[in-house]
Amino acid sequence: MADPNLYLDILDLSEIRTLCIEKGHRRTYAKGECFLGESEVPRELGLVENGYFKYTVNTSDRTEKVVGFSFAGDFIGHINYSMLRLPAGVSIVAGGPATAHVIPVNDFLEFAEGKGLRFCINIEVALFHTLYTRYTDMARHSPRERYLKLTEQYPQLLQLMPLRDIASYIGVTPIHLSRLRRHLHPR
């Protein structure tokens, strides 16, 4: 569980970044403001300029669970569900003040079609790899290991976001994370 978004290291997405910057509308978001609600069909794709967004789901007991993050230079959206015209099933929410360059998902799809089948397949394979690695790492690594890997990869996390979001993402309670941190960083 080192990098929440492994696909960024696998693919050259510079042309998509350029597309978002040149054709996108620059939007600012306040903390807690939704880019996408879980019951909405995704219609936009964004490139995060600054701040961060968190992907959340509501559990059966109505608790919010953080399942992903997008930081500056990363993308926000849900391409697969856009194409399927299905509700996203996740919310994408600004974790603090944030800015993104937003384009209609159809602009991205038109661009991807122009790049060809291999480009589209590579995106799907990279996204699958990212999600499958997250899934297996939740079973493979202890909460302590998941926390250490995440904070090594993103040392700014502790300043950027509340511990409850980090705890939710690594699959522990905030109390458990506090104990972990006390054990790792005794005073």
C-alpha atoms as a PDB file:
ATOM      1  CA  MET A   1       0.000   0.000   0.000  1.00  0.00           C
ATOM      2  CA  ALA A   2       2.813   2.377  -0.800  1.00  0.00           C
ATOM      3  CA  ASP A   3       1.319   4.564  -3.482  1.00  0.00           C
ATOM      4  CA  PRO A   4      -2.452   5.081  -3.437  1.00  0.00           C
ATOM      5  CA  ASN A   5      -2.401   5.751  -7.186  1.00  0.00           C
ATOM      6  CA  LEU A   6       0.118   3.413  -8.803  1.00  0.00           C
ATOM      7  CA  TYR A   7      -1.198   4.126 -12.288  1.00  0.00           C
ATOM      8  CA  LEU A   8       0.611   7.483 -12.158  1.00  0.00           C
ATOM      9  CA  ASP A   9       3.947   5.652 -12.191  1.00  0.00           C
ATOM     10  CA  ILE A  10       2.938   3.203 -14.932  1.00  0.00           C
ATOM     11  CA  LEU A  11       1.551   5.516 -17.605  1.00  0.00           C
ATOM     12  CA  ASP A  12       2.658   8.739 -19.235  1.00  0.00           C
ATOM     13  CA  LEU A  13      -0.417  10.875 -18.644  1.00  0.00           C
ATOM     14  CA  SER A  14       1.163  14.206 -19.575  1.00  0.00           C
ATOM     15  CA  GLU A  15      -1.140  14.649 -22.579  1.00  0.00           C
ATOM     16  CA  ILE A  16      -4.214  14.173 -20.377  1.00  0.00           C
ATOM     17  CA  ARG A  17      -2.818  16.700 -17.903  1.00  0.00           C
ATOM     18  CA  THR A  18      -2.341  19.144 -20.788  1.00  0.00           C
ATOM     19  CA  LEU A  19      -5.887  18.459 -21.994  1.00  0.00           C
ATOM     20  CA  CYS A  20      -7.303  19.255 -18.545  1.00  0.00           C
ATOM     21  CA  ILE A  21      -5.261  22.437 -18.182  1.00  0.00           C
ATOM     22  CA  GLU A  22      -5.901  23.761 -21.695  1.00  0.00           C
ATOM     23  CA  LYS A  23      -9.579  22.800 -22.086  1.00  0.00           C
ATOM     24  CA  GLY A  24     -10.626  22.588 -18.462  1.00  0.00           C
ATOM     25  CA  HIS A  25     -12.334  25.080 -16.246  1.00  0.00           C
ATOM     26  CA  ARG A  26     -10.368  25.929 -13.108  1.00  0.00           C
ATOM     27  CA  ARG A  27     -12.589  25.345 -10.071  1.00  0.00           C
ATOM     28  CA  THR A  28     -11.944  25.915  -6.416  1.00  0.00           C
ATOM     29  CA  TYR A  29     -13.452  23.714  -3.735  1.00  0.00           C
ATOM     30  CA  ALA A  30     -13.954  24.346  -0.052  1.00  0.00           C
ATOM     31  CA  LYS A  31     -13.245  21.628   2.490  1.00  0.00           C
ATOM     32  CA  GLY A  32     -16.051  19.071   2.319  1.00  0.00           C
ATOM     33  CA  GLU A  33     -17.334  20.256  -1.061  1.00  0.00           C
ATOM     34  CA  CYS A  34     -18.245  17.437  -3.442  1.00  0.00           C
ATOM     35  CA  PHE A  35     -16.705  16.973  -6.856  1.00  0.00           C
ATOM     36  CA  LEU A  36     -18.927  13.899  -7.253  1.00  0.00           C
ATOM     37  CA  GLY A  37     -21.679  12.416  -5.109  1.00  0.00           C
ATOM     38  CA  GLU A  38     -22.023   8.655  -4.779  1.00  0.00           C
ATOM     39  CA  SER A  39     -25.482   8.594  -6.387  1.00  0.00           C
ATOM     40  CA  GLU A  40     -24.414  10.725  -9.361  1.00  0.00           C
ATOM     41  CA  VAL A  41     -23.402   9.440 -12.787  1.00  0.00           C
ATOM     42  CA  PRO A  42     -19.884  10.862 -13.303  1.00  0.00           C
ATOM     43  CA  ARG A  43     -19.815  13.449 -16.078  1.00  0.00           C
ATOM     44  CA  GLU A  44     -16.489  15.199 -15.433  1.00  0.00           C
ATOM     45  CA  LEU A  45     -12.806  14.470 -15.016  1.00  0.00           C
ATOM     46  CA  GLY A  46     -10.447  16.758 -13.142  1.00  0.00           C
ATOM     47  CA  LEU A  47      -6.749  17.330 -12.623  1.00  0.00           C
ATOM     48  CA  VAL A  48      -5.935  18.357  -9.053  1.00  0.00           C
ATOM     49  CA  GLU A  49      -3.855  21.535  -9.027  1.00  0.00           C
ATOM     50  CA  ASN A  50      -3.526  21.886  -5.266  1.00  0.00           C
ATOM     51  CA  GLY A  51      -5.022  20.465  -2.107  1.00  0.00           C
ATOM     52  CA  TYR A  52      -6.392  16.950  -2.101  1.00  0.00           C
ATOM     53  CA  PHE A  53      -9.599  15.021  -2.599  1.00  0.00           C
ATOM     54  CA  LYS A  54     -10.740  11.909  -0.797  1.00  0.00           C
ATOM     55  CA  TYR A  55     -12.867   9.111  -2.186  1.00  0.00           C
ATOM     56  CA  THR A  56     -15.437   7.948   0.344  1.00  0.00           C
ATOM     57  CA  VAL A  57     -18.193   5.368   0.664  1.00  0.00           C
ATOM     58  CA  ASN A  58     -20.897   4.994   3.272  1.00  0.00           C
ATOM     59  CA  THR A  59     -20.853   1.667   5.073  1.00  0.00           C
ATOM     60  CA  SER A  60     -23.993  -0.267   5.965  1.00  0.00           C
ATOM     61  CA  ASP A  61     -23.981   1.409   9.411  1.00  0.00           C
ATOM     62  CA  ARG A  62     -23.810   4.866   7.713  1.00  0.00           C
ATOM     63  CA  THR A  63     -20.156   5.440   8.633  1.00  0.00           C
ATOM     64  CA  GLU A  64     -18.005   7.250   6.096  1.00  0.00           C
ATOM     65  CA  LYS A  65     -15.023   5.152   4.954  1.00  0.00           C
ATOM     66  CA  VAL A  66     -12.103   6.661   3.030  1.00  0.00           C
ATOM     67  CA  VAL A  67     -11.125   4.395   0.129  1.00  0.00           C
ATOM     68  CA  GLY A  68      -8.766   6.621  -1.842  1.00  0.00           C
ATOM     69  CA  PHE A  69      -7.016   9.949  -2.268  1.00  0.00           C
ATOM     70  CA  SER A  70      -6.010  12.220  -5.137  1.00  0.00           C
ATOM     71  CA  PHE A  71      -3.272  14.776  -4.537  1.00  0.00           C
ATOM     72  CA  ALA A  72      -1.859  17.626  -6.642  1.00  0.00           C
ATOM     73  CA  GLY A  73      -0.958  16.316 -10.100  1.00  0.00           C
ATOM     74  CA  ASP A  74      -3.427  13.428  -9.856  1.00  0.00           C
ATOM     75  CA  PHE A  75      -6.835  13.016 -11.448  1.00  0.00           C
ATOM     76  CA  ILE A  76     -10.318  12.953  -9.937  1.00  0.00           C
ATOM     77  CA  GLY A  77     -13.245  11.240 -11.568  1.00  0.00           C
ATOM     78  CA  HIS A  78     -14.696   7.844 -12.269  1.00  0.00           C
ATOM     79  CA  ILE A  79     -14.193   7.014 -15.950  1.00  0.00           C
ATOM     80  CA  ASN A  80     -15.586   3.463 -15.885  1.00  0.00           C
ATOM     81  CA  TYR A  81     -18.862   4.492 -14.317  1.00  0.00           C
ATOM     82  CA  SER A  82     -19.097   7.441 -16.709  1.00  0.00           C
ATOM     83  CA  MET A  83     -18.904   5.069 -19.642  1.00  0.00           C
ATOM     84  CA  LEU A  84     -21.404   2.675 -18.065  1.00  0.00           C
ATOM     85  CA  ARG A  85     -23.688   5.603 -17.160  1.00  0.00           C
ATOM     86  CA  LEU A  86     -24.016   4.238 -13.638  1.00  0.00           C
ATOM     87  CA  PRO A  87     -23.997   6.071 -10.308  1.00  0.00           C
ATOM     88  CA  ALA A  88     -20.433   6.311  -9.033  1.00  0.00           C
ATOM     89  CA  GLY A  89     -20.953   4.497  -5.738  1.00  0.00           C
ATOM     90  CA  VAL A  90     -18.257   6.734  -4.213  1.00  0.00           C
ATOM     91  CA  SER A  91     -18.161  10.391  -3.339  1.00  0.00           C
ATOM     92  CA  ILE A  92     -15.167  12.527  -4.248  1.00  0.00           C
ATOM     93  CA  VAL A  93     -14.841  15.286  -1.670  1.00  0.00           C
ATOM     94  CA  ALA A  94     -12.293  18.063  -1.144  1.00  0.00           C
ATOM     95  CA  GLY A  95     -10.318  17.217   1.990  1.00  0.00           C
ATOM     96  CA  GLY A  96      -9.457  20.886   2.437  1.00  0.00           C
ATOM     97  CA  PRO A  97      -9.310  23.912   0.169  1.00  0.00           C
ATOM     98  CA  ALA A  98      -8.502  22.548  -3.293  1.00  0.00           C
ATOM     99  CA  THR A  99      -8.343  23.550  -6.942  1.00  0.00           C
ATOM    100  CA  ALA A 100      -8.858  21.372 -10.022  1.00  0.00           C
ATOM    101  CA  HIS A 101      -8.978  21.791 -13.802  1.00  0.00           C
ATOM    102  CA  VAL A 102     -12.244  20.125 -14.818  1.00  0.00           C
ATOM    103  CA  ILE A 103     -13.324  18.867 -18.246  1.00  0.00           C
ATOM    104  CA  PRO A 104     -16.427  17.001 -19.406  1.00  0.00           C
ATOM    105  CA  VAL A 105     -15.679  13.282 -19.439  1.00  0.00           C
ATOM    106  CA  ASN A 106     -16.704  13.227 -23.116  1.00  0.00           C
ATOM    107  CA  ASP A 107     -13.674  15.420 -23.927  1.00  0.00           C
ATOM    108  CA  PHE A 108     -11.461  12.796 -22.315  1.00  0.00           C
ATOM    109  CA  LEU A 109     -13.214   9.922 -24.089  1.00  0.00           C
ATOM    110  CA  GLU A 110     -12.840  11.673 -27.452  1.00  0.00           C
ATOM    111  CA  PHE A 111      -9.135  12.208 -26.729  1.00  0.00           C
ATOM    112  CA  ALA A 112      -8.676   8.553 -25.655  1.00  0.00           C
ATOM    113  CA  GLU A 113     -10.439   7.242 -28.760  1.00  0.00           C
ATOM    114  CA  GLY A 114      -8.066   9.320 -30.884  1.00  0.00           C
ATOM    115  CA  LYS A 115      -5.096   7.743 -29.102  1.00  0.00           C
ATOM    116  CA  GLY A 116      -6.274   4.253 -30.030  1.00  0.00           C
ATOM    117  CA  LEU A 117      -7.183   0.943 -28.493  1.00  0.00           C
ATOM    118  CA  ARG A 118      -3.746   0.250 -26.964  1.00  0.00           C
ATOM    119  CA  PHE A 119      -3.875   3.551 -25.013  1.00  0.00           C
ATOM    120  CA  CYS A 120      -7.347   2.744 -23.668  1.00  0.00           C
ATOM    121  CA  ILE A 121      -6.349  -0.797 -22.700  1.00  0.00           C
ATOM    122  CA  ASN A 122      -3.230   0.497 -20.940  1.00  0.00           C
ATOM    123  CA  ILE A 123      -5.345   2.867 -18.852  1.00  0.00           C
ATOM    124  CA  GLU A 124      -7.708   0.059 -17.828  1.00  0.00           C
ATOM    125  CA  VAL A 125      -4.842  -2.308 -17.010  1.00  0.00           C
ATOM    126  CA  ALA A 126      -3.061   0.353 -14.932  1.00  0.00           C
ATOM    127  CA  LEU A 127      -6.250   1.233 -13.027  1.00  0.00           C
ATOM    128  CA  PHE A 128      -6.937  -2.454 -12.368  1.00  0.00           C
ATOM    129  CA  HIS A 129      -3.352  -2.930 -11.149  1.00  0.00           C
ATOM    130  CA  THR A 130      -3.734   0.024  -8.770  1.00  0.00           C
ATOM    131  CA  LEU A 131      -6.991  -1.269  -7.297  1.00  0.00           C
ATOM    132  CA  TYR A 132      -5.866  -4.890  -7.082  1.00  0.00           C
ATOM    133  CA  THR A 133      -2.653  -3.870  -5.327  1.00  0.00           C
ATOM    134  CA  ARG A 134      -4.666  -1.880  -2.776  1.00  0.00           C
ATOM    135  CA  TYR A 135      -6.919  -4.867  -2.232  1.00  0.00           C
ATOM    136  CA  THR A 136      -4.107  -7.383  -1.736  1.00  0.00           C
ATOM    137  CA  ASP A 137      -2.043  -4.996   0.391  1.00  0.00           C
ATOM    138  CA  MET A 138      -4.937  -4.711   2.866  1.00  0.00           C
ATOM    139  CA  ALA A 139      -4.581  -8.478   3.434  1.00  0.00           C
ATOM    140  CA  ARG A 140      -0.795  -8.632   3.074  1.00  0.00           C
ATOM    141  CA  HIS A 141       0.270  -5.827   5.421  1.00  0.00           C
ATOM    142  CA  SER A 142      -0.514  -5.080   9.035  1.00  0.00           C
ATOM    143  CA  PRO A 143      -2.071  -1.725   9.951  1.00  0.00           C
ATOM    144  CA  ARG A 144       1.351  -0.610  11.197  1.00  0.00           C
ATOM    145  CA  GLU A 145       2.967  -1.477   7.854  1.00  0.00           C
ATOM    146  CA  ARG A 146       0.176   0.223   5.906  1.00  0.00           C
ATOM    147  CA  TYR A 147       0.575   3.386   7.998  1.00  0.00           C
ATOM    148  CA  LEU A 148       4.371   3.428   7.618  1.00  0.00           C
ATOM    149  CA  LYS A 149       4.236   2.872   3.861  1.00  0.00           C
ATOM    150  CA  LEU A 150       1.619   5.551   3.371  1.00  0.00           C
ATOM    151  CA  THR A 151       3.457   8.156   5.449  1.00  0.00           C
ATOM    152  CA  GLU A 152       6.795   7.288   3.817  1.00  0.00           C
ATOM    153  CA  GLN A 153       5.280   7.779   0.365  1.00  0.00           C
ATOM    154  CA  TYR A 154       3.381  10.932   1.413  1.00  0.00           C
ATOM    155  CA  PRO A 155       5.137  12.557   4.392  1.00  0.00           C
ATOM    156  CA  GLN A 156       2.884  15.619   4.020  1.00  0.00           C
ATOM    157  CA  LEU A 157      -0.196  13.546   4.917  1.00  0.00           C
ATOM    158  CA  LEU A 158       0.052  14.309   8.605  1.00  0.00           C
ATOM    159  CA  GLN A 159      -0.089  18.047   7.878  1.00  0.00           C
ATOM    160  CA  LEU A 160      -2.682  17.769   5.092  1.00  0.00           C
ATOM    161  CA  MET A 161      -5.434  15.669   6.558  1.00  0.00           C
ATOM    162  CA  PRO A 162      -7.063  14.618   9.795  1.00  0.00           C
ATOM    163  CA  LEU A 163      -5.876  11.389  11.391  1.00  0.00           C
ATOM    164  CA  ARG A 164      -9.402   9.957  11.170  1.00  0.00           C
ATOM    165  CA  ASP A 165      -9.128   9.980   7.341  1.00  0.00           C
ATOM    166  CA  ILE A 166      -5.734   8.256   7.455  1.00  0.00           C
ATOM    167  CA  ALA A 167      -7.110   5.715   9.932  1.00  0.00           C
ATOM    168  CA  SER A 168     -10.123   5.064   7.721  1.00  0.00           C
ATOM    169  CA  TYR A 169      -7.956   4.564   4.639  1.00  0.00           C
ATOM    170  CA  ILE A 170      -5.627   2.046   6.299  1.00  0.00           C
ATOM    171  CA  GLY A 171      -8.579   0.211   7.848  1.00  0.00           C
ATOM    172  CA  VAL A 172      -8.294   0.997  11.564  1.00  0.00           C
ATOM    173  CA  THR A 173     -10.133   3.146  14.065  1.00  0.00           C
ATOM    174  CA  PRO A 174      -8.717   6.550  14.996  1.00  0.00           C
ATOM    175  CA  ILE A 175      -8.026   5.171  18.507  1.00  0.00           C
ATOM    176  CA  HIS A 176      -6.025   2.287  17.045  1.00  0.00           C
ATOM    177  CA  LEU A 177      -4.054   4.712  14.875  1.00  0.00           C
ATOM    178  CA  SER A 178      -3.288   6.886  17.919  1.00  0.00           C
ATOM    179  CA  ARG A 179      -1.944   3.824  19.741  1.00  0.00           C
ATOM    180  CA  LEU A 180       0.124   2.867  16.702  1.00  0.00           C
ATOM    181  CA  ARG A 181       1.579   6.352  16.469  1.00  0.00           C
ATOM    182  CA  ARG A 182       2.362   6.443  20.213  1.00  0.00           C
ATOM    183  CA  HIS A 183       4.193   3.150  19.856  1.00  0.00           C
ATOM    184  CA  LEU A 184       6.109   4.314  16.761  1.00  0.00           C
ATOM    185  CA  HIS A 185       6.937   7.776  18.150  1.00  0.00           C
ATOM    186  CA  PRO A 186       7.309   7.512  21.947  1.00  0.00           C
ATOM    187  CA  ARG A 187       7.904  10.833  23.662  1.00  0.00           C
END
